[in-house]
Amino acid sequence: MAVKKPEFRNKKFYYRRAKWEGQGSQTLQKLLEDAHLILDTVGKRTFEVGSGGEIRGADYKSNNGFYLQVASYVPGEATSIIDKDKAAKFSSVTAQNAPQGKDYLDGDVFAYIEGNNVILCPSGARESALERYIWEVLRACDEKDIAKSFELDKVAKASKLKMIKDEGVKEVDLDTSLYDASLMHLDKSKPKVSGIYKVVADQIGAIFSKDKSLSQIHEKENLNIKVSIKFDGREARKHLKESDFGVSGKKRLEKTAEQIISEFEKDGEDGFVIVTGANNRISSDEIRVSDSFRVKALGKSLSKDSAWSRLKEYHDRLNSDGVFKQ
């Protein structure tokens, strides 16, 4: 009996805000609408992204906002297939080329842009594929000055930010794999919270530097780094008569929390918990403006019309909730 393929999938939708230096009254929606009048074939909307891969503006439309589908794939790349026979002792895994005139899709990103508000749904491809596509489109249409500083800004929930501001910060917990931490690059001119992980990973590497089997940190180590930055309440109680005791420490905690929030989701860094002064725990998943929707499936991808419809629905909900005015 054939296994019925899922008709719908639960997919994460995210809100981003487009920004660049000297933005003024220009909007990303208008820039993209104008650009796609010039880039009127898929060939003009196809860009190389390294390692043989390409991204492409597969489809778009303008209708009270700009709808976009960005596809990611490697031209000419085969896919792997496996024999179905479960009675066999072994299953053969082989490569199968795409049909003539086709390429296998790695993934895509669906987006709805209204003004500078961007609602997106990654499906197999990373969110960065959309940002890279917009950057390439701006450059292709001689908007290089905008492309230089263009980014899709992450927006945190105002209610959670208010809670942190009102209650203060008592603890910040960070969590990542040891291997990921070892790969993180610390930009000394622009220190980021991720640098904490990098420092710890470097120290672990230094401790085992003379051990040939442990001197290098490998992808399959299956070890996590947990870093906790916490205000020491017990020590504070010993110094109640010192009005300035711990003040700078609390300020450092609050600034650390601010850094984390401003960087959340960049480079996949979203494993954090902020504990407020009232012991409320705010996780990375709770602070981001996002939601899940059921979208009609299309093989490993999604139905374009279903995805676009849900994106507009989420946009309208956020608009009615006043999120765009934050």
C-alpha atoms as a PDB file:
ATOM      1  CA  MET A   1       0.000   0.000   0.000  1.00  0.00           C
ATOM      2  CA  ALA A   2       1.447   3.357  -1.046  1.00  0.00           C
ATOM      3  CA  VAL A   3       2.211   5.842   1.719  1.00  0.00           C
ATOM      4  CA  LYS A   4       0.103   8.950   1.332  1.00  0.00           C
ATOM      5  CA  LYS A   5       2.217  12.052   1.009  1.00  0.00           C
ATOM      6  CA  PRO A   6       1.385  14.924   3.371  1.00  0.00           C
ATOM      7  CA  GLU A   7      -0.941  17.427   1.765  1.00  0.00           C
ATOM      8  CA  PHE A   8       0.006  20.232   4.142  1.00  0.00           C
ATOM      9  CA  ARG A   9       3.114  21.126   6.136  1.00  0.00           C
ATOM     10  CA  ASN A  10       3.572  23.276   9.211  1.00  0.00           C
ATOM     11  CA  LYS A  11       6.049  26.009   8.302  1.00  0.00           C
ATOM     12  CA  LYS A  12       7.594  28.850  10.277  1.00  0.00           C
ATOM     13  CA  PHE A  13       6.850  32.414   9.121  1.00  0.00           C
ATOM     14  CA  TYR A  14       9.084  35.323  10.177  1.00  0.00           C
ATOM     15  CA  TYR A  15       8.836  39.110  10.177  1.00  0.00           C
ATOM     16  CA  ARG A  16      11.792  41.215   9.064  1.00  0.00           C
ATOM     17  CA  ARG A  17      12.211  44.922   8.430  1.00  0.00           C
ATOM     18  CA  ALA A  18      14.260  46.134   5.454  1.00  0.00           C
ATOM     19  CA  LYS A  19      16.722  48.899   6.197  1.00  0.00           C
ATOM     20  CA  TRP A  20      19.739  50.628   4.668  1.00  0.00           C
ATOM     21  CA  GLU A  21      21.699  53.840   5.089  1.00  0.00           C
ATOM     22  CA  GLY A  22      19.982  56.978   3.792  1.00  0.00           C
ATOM     23  CA  GLN A  23      16.687  55.138   3.500  1.00  0.00           C
ATOM     24  CA  GLY A  24      14.429  58.179   3.439  1.00  0.00           C
ATOM     25  CA  SER A  25      11.019  57.598   1.877  1.00  0.00           C
ATOM     26  CA  GLN A  26      12.188  54.789  -0.395  1.00  0.00           C
ATOM     27  CA  THR A  27      10.662  51.371   0.231  1.00  0.00           C
ATOM     28  CA  LEU A  28      11.905  47.900  -0.593  1.00  0.00           C
ATOM     29  CA  GLN A  29       8.549  47.096  -2.174  1.00  0.00           C
ATOM     30  CA  LYS A  30       8.884  49.896  -4.756  1.00  0.00           C
ATOM     31  CA  LEU A  31      12.545  49.079  -5.417  1.00  0.00           C
ATOM     32  CA  LEU A  32      11.715  45.435  -6.130  1.00  0.00           C
ATOM     33  CA  GLU A  33       8.671  46.256  -8.256  1.00  0.00           C
ATOM     34  CA  ASP A  34      10.757  48.598 -10.421  1.00  0.00           C
ATOM     35  CA  ALA A  35      13.671  46.160 -10.577  1.00  0.00           C
ATOM     36  CA  HIS A  36      11.536  43.254 -11.747  1.00  0.00           C
ATOM     37  CA  LEU A  37      10.192  45.331 -14.628  1.00  0.00           C
ATOM     38  CA  ILE A  38      13.806  45.483 -15.818  1.00  0.00           C
ATOM     39  CA  LEU A  39      14.708  41.903 -14.868  1.00  0.00           C
ATOM     40  CA  ASP A  40      11.854  40.505 -16.939  1.00  0.00           C
ATOM     41  CA  THR A  41      13.248  36.995 -17.596  1.00  0.00           C
ATOM     42  CA  VAL A  42      14.372  34.295 -15.179  1.00  0.00           C
ATOM     43  CA  GLY A  43      17.816  34.445 -16.770  1.00  0.00           C
ATOM     44  CA  LYS A  44      18.191  38.057 -15.665  1.00  0.00           C
ATOM     45  CA  ARG A  45      17.008  37.045 -12.188  1.00  0.00           C
ATOM     46  CA  THR A  46      19.478  34.166 -11.779  1.00  0.00           C
ATOM     47  CA  PHE A  47      22.651  34.703  -9.742  1.00  0.00           C
ATOM     48  CA  GLU A  48      25.635  32.520  -8.837  1.00  0.00           C
ATOM     49  CA  VAL A  49      26.191  32.083  -5.095  1.00  0.00           C
ATOM     50  CA  GLY A  50      29.353  29.990  -4.923  1.00  0.00           C
ATOM     51  CA  SER A  51      30.120  26.241  -4.841  1.00  0.00           C
ATOM     52  CA  GLY A  52      28.305  25.917  -8.152  1.00  0.00           C
ATOM     53  CA  GLY A  53      24.969  26.987  -6.700  1.00  0.00           C
ATOM     54  CA  GLU A  54      22.473  29.496  -8.041  1.00  0.00           C
ATOM     55  CA  ILE A  55      19.524  31.436  -6.700  1.00  0.00           C
ATOM     56  CA  ARG A  56      16.696  32.584  -8.926  1.00  0.00           C
ATOM     57  CA  GLY A  57      13.633  34.780  -8.750  1.00  0.00           C
ATOM     58  CA  ALA A  58      11.420  31.929  -9.903  1.00  0.00           C
ATOM     59  CA  ASP A  59       8.142  33.834  -9.681  1.00  0.00           C
ATOM     60  CA  TYR A  60       6.684  37.120  -8.437  1.00  0.00           C
ATOM     61  CA  LYS A  61       3.611  39.311  -8.594  1.00  0.00           C
ATOM     62  CA  SER A  62       2.514  42.781  -7.513  1.00  0.00           C
ATOM     63  CA  ASN A  63      -0.890  43.020  -5.883  1.00  0.00           C
ATOM     64  CA  ASN A  64      -1.201  45.345  -2.877  1.00  0.00           C
ATOM     65  CA  GLY A  65       2.322  44.284  -2.006  1.00  0.00           C
ATOM     66  CA  PHE A  66       5.094  42.342  -3.725  1.00  0.00           C
ATOM     67  CA  TYR A  67       5.056  38.529  -3.676  1.00  0.00           C
ATOM     68  CA  LEU A  68       8.257  36.630  -4.382  1.00  0.00           C
ATOM     69  CA  GLN A  69       9.542  33.046  -4.701  1.00  0.00           C
ATOM     70  CA  VAL A  70      13.331  32.607  -4.621  1.00  0.00           C
ATOM     71  CA  ALA A  71      14.613  29.166  -5.635  1.00  0.00           C
ATOM     72  CA  SER A  72      17.981  27.661  -4.672  1.00  0.00           C
ATOM     73  CA  TYR A  73      19.620  24.843  -6.667  1.00  0.00           C
ATOM     74  CA  VAL A  74      22.846  23.543  -8.204  1.00  0.00           C
ATOM     75  CA  PRO A  75      22.645  23.351 -12.024  1.00  0.00           C
ATOM     76  CA  GLY A  76      23.129  19.840 -13.366  1.00  0.00           C
ATOM     77  CA  GLU A  77      23.354  18.245  -9.924  1.00  0.00           C
ATOM     78  CA  ALA A  78      21.906  14.741  -9.623  1.00  0.00           C
ATOM     79  CA  THR A  79      19.806  13.495  -6.719  1.00  0.00           C
ATOM     80  CA  SER A  80      20.228  10.206  -4.850  1.00  0.00           C
ATOM     81  CA  ILE A  81      17.607   7.458  -5.051  1.00  0.00           C
ATOM     82  CA  ILE A  82      17.211   4.174  -3.126  1.00  0.00           C
ATOM     83  CA  ASP A  83      15.551   0.883  -4.082  1.00  0.00           C
ATOM     84  CA  LYS A  84      12.061   0.360  -2.616  1.00  0.00           C
ATOM     85  CA  ASP A  85      12.205  -3.455  -2.340  1.00  0.00           C
ATOM     86  CA  LYS A  86      12.066  -4.197   1.422  1.00  0.00           C
ATOM     87  CA  ALA A  87      12.517  -7.942   0.892  1.00  0.00           C
ATOM     88  CA  ALA A  88      16.022  -7.459  -0.517  1.00  0.00           C
ATOM     89  CA  LYS A  89      19.083  -7.972   1.703  1.00  0.00           C
ATOM     90  CA  PHE A  90      20.593  -4.706   0.535  1.00  0.00           C
ATOM     91  CA  SER A  91      19.295  -1.469  -0.950  1.00  0.00           C
ATOM     92  CA  SER A  92      21.110   0.122  -3.836  1.00  0.00           C
ATOM     93  CA  VAL A  93      21.653   3.883  -3.639  1.00  0.00           C
ATOM     94  CA  THR A  94      22.328   5.533  -6.980  1.00  0.00           C
ATOM     95  CA  ALA A  95      22.391   8.963  -8.561  1.00  0.00           C
ATOM     96  CA  GLN A  96      19.606  10.126 -10.836  1.00  0.00           C
ATOM     97  CA  ASN A  97      19.871  13.119 -13.130  1.00  0.00           C
ATOM     98  CA  ALA A  98      17.051  15.614 -13.436  1.00  0.00           C
ATOM     99  CA  PRO A  99      14.817  15.343 -16.528  1.00  0.00           C
ATOM    100  CA  GLN A 100      15.963  17.170 -19.651  1.00  0.00           C
ATOM    101  CA  GLY A 101      15.550  20.933 -19.237  1.00  0.00           C
ATOM    102  CA  LYS A 102      15.092  20.691 -15.449  1.00  0.00           C
ATOM    103  CA  ASP A 103      17.221  21.050 -12.307  1.00  0.00           C
ATOM    104  CA  TYR A 104      16.553  19.551  -8.900  1.00  0.00           C
ATOM    105  CA  LEU A 105      15.472  22.141  -6.354  1.00  0.00           C
ATOM    106  CA  ASP A 106      17.427  22.364  -3.097  1.00  0.00           C
ATOM    107  CA  GLY A 107      14.852  24.661  -1.527  1.00  0.00           C
ATOM    108  CA  ASP A 108      13.112  28.001  -1.818  1.00  0.00           C
ATOM    109  CA  VAL A 109      12.027  31.023   0.184  1.00  0.00           C
ATOM    110  CA  PHE A 110       8.616  32.651  -0.176  1.00  0.00           C
ATOM    111  CA  ALA A 111       8.141  36.303   0.750  1.00  0.00           C
ATOM    112  CA  TYR A 112       5.565  39.073   0.876  1.00  0.00           C
ATOM    113  CA  ILE A 113       6.910  42.638   0.950  1.00  0.00           C
ATOM    114  CA  GLU A 114       4.746  45.630   1.822  1.00  0.00           C
ATOM    115  CA  GLY A 115       6.625  48.895   2.177  1.00  0.00           C
ATOM    116  CA  ASN A 116       9.703  47.891   4.170  1.00  0.00           C
ATOM    117  CA  ASN A 117       7.928  45.072   5.997  1.00  0.00           C
ATOM    118  CA  VAL A 118       8.997  41.602   4.903  1.00  0.00           C
ATOM    119  CA  ILE A 119       7.152  38.400   5.814  1.00  0.00           C
ATOM    120  CA  LEU A 120       9.050  35.296   4.764  1.00  0.00           C
ATOM    121  CA  CYS A 121       8.810  31.518   4.839  1.00  0.00           C
ATOM    122  CA  PRO A 122      11.981  29.467   4.212  1.00  0.00           C
ATOM    123  CA  SER A 123      11.349  26.005   2.742  1.00  0.00           C
ATOM    124  CA  GLY A 124      14.516  23.984   2.348  1.00  0.00           C
ATOM    125  CA  ALA A 125      16.635  27.075   1.638  1.00  0.00           C
ATOM    126  CA  ARG A 126      18.038  29.406   4.289  1.00  0.00           C
ATOM    127  CA  GLU A 127      16.593  32.844   4.913  1.00  0.00           C
ATOM    128  CA  SER A 128      19.921  34.242   3.694  1.00  0.00           C
ATOM    129  CA  ALA A 129      18.961  33.158   0.154  1.00  0.00           C
ATOM    130  CA  LEU A 130      16.271  35.864   0.116  1.00  0.00           C
ATOM    131  CA  GLU A 131      18.616  38.524   1.482  1.00  0.00           C
ATOM    132  CA  ARG A 132      21.293  37.564  -1.042  1.00  0.00           C
ATOM    133  CA  TYR A 133      18.752  37.628  -3.900  1.00  0.00           C
ATOM    134  CA  ILE A 134      17.563  41.127  -2.998  1.00  0.00           C
ATOM    135  CA  TRP A 135      21.188  42.281  -2.746  1.00  0.00           C
ATOM    136  CA  GLU A 136      21.947  40.877  -6.212  1.00  0.00           C
ATOM    137  CA  VAL A 137      18.796  42.467  -7.685  1.00  0.00           C
ATOM    138  CA  LEU A 138      19.734  45.879  -6.275  1.00  0.00           C
ATOM    139  CA  ARG A 139      23.217  45.617  -7.777  1.00  0.00           C
ATOM    140  CA  ALA A 140      21.848  44.430 -11.125  1.00  0.00           C
ATOM    141  CA  CYS A 141      19.585  47.498 -11.286  1.00  0.00           C
ATOM    142  CA  ASP A 142      22.355  49.970 -10.444  1.00  0.00           C
ATOM    143  CA  GLU A 143      21.281  50.464  -6.820  1.00  0.00           C
ATOM    144  CA  LYS A 144      24.753  49.601  -5.533  1.00  0.00           C
ATOM    145  CA  ASP A 145      24.739  52.289  -2.837  1.00  0.00           C
ATOM    146  CA  ILE A 146      21.618  50.768  -1.292  1.00  0.00           C
ATOM    147  CA  ALA A 147      23.008  47.246  -1.668  1.00  0.00           C
ATOM    148  CA  LYS A 148      26.120  48.178   0.346  1.00  0.00           C
ATOM    149  CA  SER A 149      24.196  48.595   3.595  1.00  0.00           C
ATOM    150  CA  PHE A 150      20.989  46.673   2.883  1.00  0.00           C
ATOM    151  CA  GLU A 151      19.852  44.144   5.472  1.00  0.00           C
ATOM    152  CA  LEU A 152      16.727  42.431   6.732  1.00  0.00           C
ATOM    153  CA  ASP A 153      16.532  43.459  10.355  1.00  0.00           C
ATOM    154  CA  LYS A 154      15.197  41.073  12.995  1.00  0.00           C
ATOM    155  CA  VAL A 155      12.391  42.496  15.121  1.00  0.00           C
ATOM    156  CA  ALA A 156      11.756  41.340  18.683  1.00  0.00           C
ATOM    157  CA  LYS A 157       8.365  41.286  20.384  1.00  0.00           C
ATOM    158  CA  ALA A 158       7.713  44.574  22.153  1.00  0.00           C
ATOM    159  CA  SER A 159       5.991  42.834  25.076  1.00  0.00           C
ATOM    160  CA  LYS A 160       9.111  40.758  25.824  1.00  0.00           C
ATOM    161  CA  LEU A 161      11.418  43.748  25.470  1.00  0.00           C
ATOM    162  CA  LYS A 162       9.220  45.689  27.911  1.00  0.00           C
ATOM    163  CA  MET A 163       9.332  42.806  30.386  1.00  0.00           C
ATOM    164  CA  ILE A 164      13.139  42.807  30.262  1.00  0.00           C
ATOM    165  CA  LYS A 165      13.279  46.587  30.666  1.00  0.00           C
ATOM    166  CA  ASP A 166      10.771  46.663  33.546  1.00  0.00           C
ATOM    167  CA  GLU A 167      12.153  43.672  35.461  1.00  0.00           C
ATOM    168  CA  GLY A 168      15.851  43.903  34.680  1.00  0.00           C
ATOM    169  CA  VAL A 169      18.095  40.942  33.914  1.00  0.00           C
ATOM    170  CA  LYS A 170      19.239  38.394  36.499  1.00  0.00           C
ATOM    171  CA  GLU A 171      20.751  35.727  34.262  1.00  0.00           C
ATOM    172  CA  VAL A 172      21.674  35.014  30.654  1.00  0.00           C
ATOM    173  CA  ASP A 173      22.100  31.394  29.527  1.00  0.00           C
ATOM    174  CA  LEU A 174      23.756  30.594  26.200  1.00  0.00           C
ATOM    175  CA  ASP A 175      23.855  27.191  24.550  1.00  0.00           C
ATOM    176  CA  THR A 176      25.565  25.934  21.386  1.00  0.00           C
ATOM    177  CA  SER A 177      27.467  22.895  20.111  1.00  0.00           C
ATOM    178  CA  LEU A 178      31.196  22.809  20.800  1.00  0.00           C
ATOM    179  CA  TYR A 179      31.906  22.347  17.082  1.00  0.00           C
ATOM    180  CA  ASP A 180      29.796  25.358  16.047  1.00  0.00           C
ATOM    181  CA  ALA A 181      31.479  27.455  18.729  1.00  0.00           C
ATOM    182  CA  SER A 182      34.905  26.451  17.441  1.00  0.00           C
ATOM    183  CA  LEU A 183      33.974  27.772  13.984  1.00  0.00           C
ATOM    184  CA  MET A 184      32.627  31.120  15.166  1.00  0.00           C
ATOM    185  CA  HIS A 185      34.694  34.092  14.048  1.00  0.00           C
ATOM    186  CA  LEU A 186      35.194  36.875  16.588  1.00  0.00           C
ATOM    187  CA  ASP A 187      35.325  40.233  14.836  1.00  0.00           C
ATOM    188  CA  LYS A 188      37.364  42.289  17.294  1.00  0.00           C
ATOM    189  CA  SER A 189      36.223  45.564  15.760  1.00  0.00           C
ATOM    190  CA  LYS A 190      32.586  44.621  16.385  1.00  0.00           C
ATOM    191  CA  PRO A 191      32.456  42.256  19.376  1.00  0.00           C
ATOM    192  CA  LYS A 192      29.424  39.976  19.402  1.00  0.00           C
ATOM    193  CA  VAL A 193      27.957  37.696  22.016  1.00  0.00           C
ATOM    194  CA  SER A 194      29.079  34.744  19.915  1.00  0.00           C
ATOM    195  CA  GLY A 195      32.628  35.692  20.906  1.00  0.00           C
ATOM    196  CA  ILE A 196      31.948  34.196  24.340  1.00  0.00           C
ATOM    197  CA  TYR A 197      31.456  30.804  22.757  1.00  0.00           C
ATOM    198  CA  LYS A 198      34.560  31.226  20.650  1.00  0.00           C
ATOM    199  CA  VAL A 199      36.709  32.057  23.670  1.00  0.00           C
ATOM    200  CA  VAL A 200      35.465  28.990  25.567  1.00  0.00           C
ATOM    201  CA  ALA A 201      36.039  26.739  22.548  1.00  0.00           C
ATOM    202  CA  ASP A 202      39.561  28.131  22.150  1.00  0.00           C
ATOM    203  CA  GLN A 203      40.305  27.430  25.818  1.00  0.00           C
ATOM    204  CA  ILE A 204      39.080  23.841  25.502  1.00  0.00           C
ATOM    205  CA  GLY A 205      41.273  23.449  22.431  1.00  0.00           C
ATOM    206  CA  ALA A 206      44.269  24.839  24.329  1.00  0.00           C
ATOM    207  CA  ILE A 207      43.765  22.443  27.256  1.00  0.00           C
ATOM    208  CA  PHE A 208      43.916  19.429  24.940  1.00  0.00           C
ATOM    209  CA  SER A 209      46.447  20.851  22.484  1.00  0.00           C
ATOM    210  CA  LYS A 210      49.077  18.228  23.360  1.00  0.00           C
ATOM    211  CA  ASP A 211      46.652  15.311  22.954  1.00  0.00           C
ATOM    212  CA  LYS A 212      46.758  14.197  19.312  1.00  0.00           C
ATOM    213  CA  SER A 213      43.318  12.600  19.463  1.00  0.00           C
ATOM    214  CA  LEU A 214      41.615  15.616  21.094  1.00  0.00           C
ATOM    215  CA  SER A 215      43.582  18.616  19.809  1.00  0.00           C
ATOM    216  CA  GLN A 216      41.042  19.244  17.040  1.00  0.00           C
ATOM    217  CA  ILE A 217      37.309  19.797  17.624  1.00  0.00           C
ATOM    218  CA  HIS A 218      35.287  17.685  15.195  1.00  0.00           C
ATOM    219  CA  GLU A 219      31.759  17.982  13.834  1.00  0.00           C
ATOM    220  CA  LYS A 220      30.547  14.682  15.331  1.00  0.00           C
ATOM    221  CA  GLU A 221      31.726  15.290  18.893  1.00  0.00           C
ATOM    222  CA  ASN A 222      28.137  15.699  20.116  1.00  0.00           C
ATOM    223  CA  LEU A 223      29.180  18.066  22.904  1.00  0.00           C
ATOM    224  CA  ASN A 224      27.466  21.301  23.859  1.00  0.00           C
ATOM    225  CA  ILE A 225      28.805  24.449  25.476  1.00  0.00           C
ATOM    226  CA  LYS A 226      26.565  26.050  28.079  1.00  0.00           C
ATOM    227  CA  VAL A 227      27.521  29.495  29.329  1.00  0.00           C
ATOM    228  CA  SER A 228      25.627  31.126  32.198  1.00  0.00           C
ATOM    229  CA  ILE A 229      26.183  34.761  33.160  1.00  0.00           C
ATOM    230  CA  LYS A 230      24.405  35.305  36.456  1.00  0.00           C
ATOM    231  CA  PHE A 231      24.054  37.993  39.103  1.00  0.00           C
ATOM    232  CA  ASP A 232      25.313  36.603  42.433  1.00  0.00           C
ATOM    233  CA  GLY A 233      22.435  37.325  44.833  1.00  0.00           C
ATOM    234  CA  ARG A 234      24.140  35.645  47.788  1.00  0.00           C
ATOM    235  CA  GLU A 235      27.224  37.830  47.477  1.00  0.00           C
ATOM    236  CA  ALA A 236      25.033  40.917  47.026  1.00  0.00           C
ATOM    237  CA  ARG A 237      23.298  40.234  50.348  1.00  0.00           C
ATOM    238  CA  LYS A 238      26.680  40.307  52.100  1.00  0.00           C
ATOM    239  CA  HIS A 239      27.263  43.835  50.818  1.00  0.00           C
ATOM    240  CA  LEU A 240      23.856  45.416  51.403  1.00  0.00           C
ATOM    241  CA  LYS A 241      25.448  48.486  52.982  1.00  0.00           C
ATOM    242  CA  GLU A 242      27.478  49.208  49.833  1.00  0.00           C
ATOM    243  CA  SER A 243      25.072  51.044  47.549  1.00  0.00           C
ATOM    244  CA  ASP A 244      27.242  50.645  44.460  1.00  0.00           C
ATOM    245  CA  PHE A 245      28.019  46.961  44.934  1.00  0.00           C
ATOM    246  CA  GLY A 246      26.982  44.957  41.854  1.00  0.00           C
ATOM    247  CA  VAL A 247      25.651  47.982  39.952  1.00  0.00           C
ATOM    248  CA  SER A 248      28.140  47.616  37.100  1.00  0.00           C
ATOM    249  CA  GLY A 249      27.510  43.858  37.045  1.00  0.00           C
ATOM    250  CA  LYS A 250      23.767  44.386  36.559  1.00  0.00           C
ATOM    251  CA  LYS A 251      24.502  46.881  33.811  1.00  0.00           C
ATOM    252  CA  ARG A 252      26.787  44.351  32.109  1.00  0.00           C
ATOM    253  CA  LEU A 253      24.032  41.722  32.263  1.00  0.00           C
ATOM    254  CA  GLU A 254      21.495  44.100  30.735  1.00  0.00           C
ATOM    255  CA  LYS A 255      23.918  45.057  27.944  1.00  0.00           C
ATOM    256  CA  THR A 256      24.653  41.378  27.282  1.00  0.00           C
ATOM    257  CA  ALA A 257      20.923  40.706  26.972  1.00  0.00           C
ATOM    258  CA  GLU A 258      20.588  43.666  24.587  1.00  0.00           C
ATOM    259  CA  GLN A 259      23.444  42.317  22.448  1.00  0.00           C
ATOM    260  CA  ILE A 260      21.891  38.878  22.308  1.00  0.00           C
ATOM    261  CA  ILE A 261      18.516  40.260  21.252  1.00  0.00           C
ATOM    262  CA  SER A 262      20.060  42.461  18.565  1.00  0.00           C
ATOM    263  CA  GLU A 263      22.013  39.487  17.210  1.00  0.00           C
ATOM    264  CA  PHE A 264      19.375  36.780  17.669  1.00  0.00           C
ATOM    265  CA  GLU A 265      19.026  34.401  14.699  1.00  0.00           C
ATOM    266  CA  LYS A 266      22.125  35.773  12.989  1.00  0.00           C
ATOM    267  CA  ASP A 267      24.356  32.887  11.898  1.00  0.00           C
ATOM    268  CA  GLY A 268      21.798  30.517  13.400  1.00  0.00           C
ATOM    269  CA  GLU A 269      22.518  31.723  16.939  1.00  0.00           C
ATOM    270  CA  ASP A 270      19.228  31.405  18.738  1.00  0.00           C
ATOM    271  CA  GLY A 271      19.969  29.140  21.703  1.00  0.00           C
ATOM    272  CA  PHE A 272      19.545  31.524  24.600  1.00  0.00           C
ATOM    273  CA  VAL A 273      17.387  32.181  27.645  1.00  0.00           C
ATOM    274  CA  ILE A 274      17.128  35.508  29.462  1.00  0.00           C
ATOM    275  CA  VAL A 275      15.979  35.339  33.090  1.00  0.00           C
ATOM    276  CA  THR A 276      14.464  38.597  34.351  1.00  0.00           C
ATOM    277  CA  GLY A 277      14.668  40.018  37.848  1.00  0.00           C
ATOM    278  CA  ALA A 278      11.191  38.602  38.515  1.00  0.00           C
ATOM    279  CA  ASN A 279      12.368  35.118  37.433  1.00  0.00           C
ATOM    280  CA  ASN A 280      10.497  35.179  34.114  1.00  0.00           C
ATOM    281  CA  ARG A 281      12.351  33.078  31.539  1.00  0.00           C
ATOM    282  CA  ILE A 282      12.350  34.382  27.954  1.00  0.00           C
ATOM    283  CA  SER A 283      13.683  32.007  25.303  1.00  0.00           C
ATOM    284  CA  SER A 284      14.961  32.863  21.838  1.00  0.00           C
ATOM    285  CA  ASP A 285      11.857  31.305  20.292  1.00  0.00           C
ATOM    286  CA  GLU A 286       9.549  33.460  22.419  1.00  0.00           C
ATOM    287  CA  ILE A 287      11.228  36.764  21.618  1.00  0.00           C
ATOM    288  CA  ARG A 288      11.202  36.560  17.824  1.00  0.00           C
ATOM    289  CA  VAL A 289       8.216  37.770  15.807  1.00  0.00           C
ATOM    290  CA  SER A 290       7.217  34.518  14.138  1.00  0.00           C
ATOM    291  CA  ASP A 291       4.401  32.000  13.882  1.00  0.00           C
ATOM    292  CA  SER A 292       3.589  28.652  12.279  1.00  0.00           C
ATOM    293  CA  PHE A 293       1.100  28.076   9.459  1.00  0.00           C
ATOM    294  CA  ARG A 294      -0.170  25.052   7.548  1.00  0.00           C
ATOM    295  CA  VAL A 295       0.848  25.421   3.917  1.00  0.00           C
ATOM    296  CA  LYS A 296      -0.078  23.140   1.019  1.00  0.00           C
ATOM    297  CA  ALA A 297       2.823  20.902   0.029  1.00  0.00           C
ATOM    298  CA  LEU A 298       4.235  20.576  -3.499  1.00  0.00           C
ATOM    299  CA  GLY A 299       6.668  17.663  -3.399  1.00  0.00           C
ATOM    300  CA  LYS A 300       9.506  18.814  -1.133  1.00  0.00           C
ATOM    301  CA  SER A 301       8.519  22.421  -1.760  1.00  0.00           C
ATOM    302  CA  LEU A 302       5.313  24.352  -1.081  1.00  0.00           C
ATOM    303  CA  SER A 303       2.416  25.509  -3.199  1.00  0.00           C
ATOM    304  CA  LYS A 304       3.301  29.054  -4.233  1.00  0.00           C
ATOM    305  CA  ASP A 305      -0.291  30.301  -4.031  1.00  0.00           C
ATOM    306  CA  SER A 306      -0.850  28.686  -0.628  1.00  0.00           C
ATOM    307  CA  ALA A 307       2.387  30.123   0.780  1.00  0.00           C
ATOM    308  CA  TRP A 308       1.704  33.613  -0.577  1.00  0.00           C
ATOM    309  CA  SER A 309      -1.840  33.563   0.796  1.00  0.00           C
ATOM    310  CA  ARG A 310      -0.608  32.628   4.279  1.00  0.00           C
ATOM    311  CA  LEU A 311       2.134  35.266   4.147  1.00  0.00           C
ATOM    312  CA  LYS A 312      -0.444  37.969   3.429  1.00  0.00           C
ATOM    313  CA  GLU A 313      -2.658  36.620   6.213  1.00  0.00           C
ATOM    314  CA  TYR A 314       0.207  36.825   8.723  1.00  0.00           C
ATOM    315  CA  HIS A 315       1.123  40.328   7.491  1.00  0.00           C
ATOM    316  CA  ASP A 316      -2.426  41.552   8.054  1.00  0.00           C
ATOM    317  CA  ARG A 317      -2.509  40.074  11.552  1.00  0.00           C
ATOM    318  CA  LEU A 318       0.776  41.737  12.535  1.00  0.00           C
ATOM    319  CA  ASN A 319      -0.475  45.011  11.070  1.00  0.00           C
ATOM    320  CA  SER A 320      -3.692  44.893  13.085  1.00  0.00           C
ATOM    321  CA  ASP A 321      -1.660  44.096  16.210  1.00  0.00           C
ATOM    322  CA  GLY A 322       0.470  47.217  15.699  1.00  0.00           C
ATOM    323  CA  VAL A 323       3.722  45.297  15.307  1.00  0.00           C
ATOM    324  CA  PHE A 324       4.835  47.378  12.310  1.00  0.00           C
ATOM    325  CA  LYS A 325       4.700  50.543  14.425  1.00  0.00           C
ATOM    326  CA  GLN A 326       7.274  49.269  16.939  1.00  0.00           C
END
